[in-house]
Each structure stands twice: as C-alpha cells, then as structure tokens.
C-alpha cells in the first residue's frame, strides 16, 4: 500500500487526493459487502464487493463535483 503513495511508484494525483494515513483509516472502517448476498455475488464475480463500492464512489463524485469549460482531464 505504501508504494502507491511513494514518489517513485505512486501517482501524484493519488497523493494529492488523499494522504496515506487518512486513506488507511478510511480503508480500515469501510465495508465492502453485504453479508446477505455475499455468497451469491462471490460465485459470479469475486470483485463484486469492490466494484459496487467504486460505482457508488464515482456516482457520488459526479454528484458532488461539476466541471467548467476550462476543466481539463489528463489521462496518465
């Protein structure tokens, strides 16, 4: 995990978005799945819990942030 925030291997955007310690605190508290549907989802897609969390995250980001005509997106 530390390598993702390192100067050598990590992305500057990741370090700018959230420092490592707050991310680790968040990561230790967040739940990735629903116990009631865990077995069913794992039989179909082993990454389903993480994908669902990411879809929710992206949806909330889209609702929280708006771009202007001057906004640029850089693909790394």
Protein backbone atom coordinates (compact mmCIF):
# COMPACT_ATOMS: atom_id res chain seq x y z
CA UNK A 1 0.00 0.00 0.00
CA UNK A 2 2.84 2.39 0.81
CA UNK A 3 4.19 2.07 -2.74
CA UNK A 4 1.03 3.66 -4.16
CA UNK A 5 1.91 6.85 -2.25
CA UNK A 6 5.69 6.73 -2.86
CA UNK A 7 7.46 9.32 -5.01
CA UNK A 8 8.99 6.60 -7.16
CA UNK A 9 5.96 4.36 -7.88
CA UNK A 10 2.90 6.36 -6.86
CA UNK A 11 0.83 8.79 -8.86
CA UNK A 12 0.94 12.47 -7.81
CA UNK A 13 -2.84 12.69 -8.25
CA UNK A 14 -3.35 9.94 -5.68
CA UNK A 15 -1.14 11.69 -3.15
CA UNK A 16 -2.90 14.99 -3.83
CA UNK A 17 -6.38 13.47 -3.49
CA UNK A 18 -5.85 11.83 -0.10
CA UNK A 19 -2.79 11.36 2.11
CA UNK A 20 -1.88 7.78 3.04
CA UNK A 21 -2.82 7.86 6.74
CA UNK A 22 -6.39 9.15 6.20
CA UNK A 23 -6.82 6.60 3.39
CA UNK A 24 -5.71 3.76 5.66
CA UNK A 25 -8.10 4.97 8.36
CA UNK A 26 -10.95 5.07 5.81
CA UNK A 27 -9.98 1.70 4.36
CA UNK A 28 -9.96 0.03 7.78
CA UNK A 29 -13.50 1.27 8.51
CA UNK A 30 -15.26 0.74 5.22
CA UNK A 31 -17.31 -2.35 4.46
CA UNK A 32 -17.18 -3.86 1.01
CA UNK A 33 -20.07 -6.26 1.04
CA UNK A 34 -23.48 -7.23 2.30
CA UNK A 35 -23.47 -10.46 4.33
CA UNK A 36 -26.89 -11.44 2.97
CA UNK A 37 -25.73 -11.52 -0.66
CA UNK A 38 -22.04 -12.31 -0.21
CA UNK A 39 -22.10 -15.97 -1.34
CA UNK A 40 -24.21 -15.24 -4.42
CA UNK A 41 -22.01 -12.36 -5.58
CA UNK A 42 -18.77 -14.25 -4.96
CA UNK A 43 -19.93 -17.17 -7.06
CA UNK A 44 -20.45 -14.84 -10.02
CA UNK A 45 -17.83 -12.13 -9.54
CA UNK A 46 -15.04 -12.20 -6.97
CA UNK A 47 -14.53 -8.43 -7.30
CA UNK A 48 -18.23 -7.57 -6.93
CA UNK A 49 -17.90 -6.00 -3.45
CA UNK A 50 -15.10 -3.68 -4.55
CA UNK A 51 -16.82 -2.83 -7.84
CA UNK A 52 -20.02 -1.88 -6.06
CA UNK A 53 -18.10 0.42 -3.71
CA UNK A 54 -16.29 2.05 -6.64
CA UNK A 55 -19.55 2.57 -8.58
CA UNK A 56 -21.06 4.25 -5.52
CA UNK A 57 -17.94 6.39 -5.09
CA UNK A 58 -17.92 7.50 -8.73
CA UNK A 59 -21.65 8.27 -8.61
CA UNK A 60 -21.22 10.43 -5.50
CA UNK A 61 -18.22 12.23 -7.04
CA UNK A 62 -20.26 13.01 -10.15
CA UNK A 63 -23.00 14.49 -7.98
CA UNK A 64 -20.58 16.49 -5.80
CA UNK A 65 -18.32 17.99 -8.48
CA UNK A 66 -19.13 19.97 -11.59
CA UNK A 67 -16.73 20.92 -14.32
CA UNK A 68 -16.42 24.12 -16.30
CA UNK A 69 -15.48 24.63 -19.91
CA UNK A 70 -11.93 25.33 -18.72
CA UNK A 71 -11.59 22.00 -16.94
CA UNK A 72 -9.06 19.55 -18.42
CA UNK A 73 -8.75 15.83 -17.81
CA UNK A 74 -5.26 14.40 -18.11
CA UNK A 75 -5.02 10.68 -18.79
CA UNK A 76 -1.88 9.15 -17.29
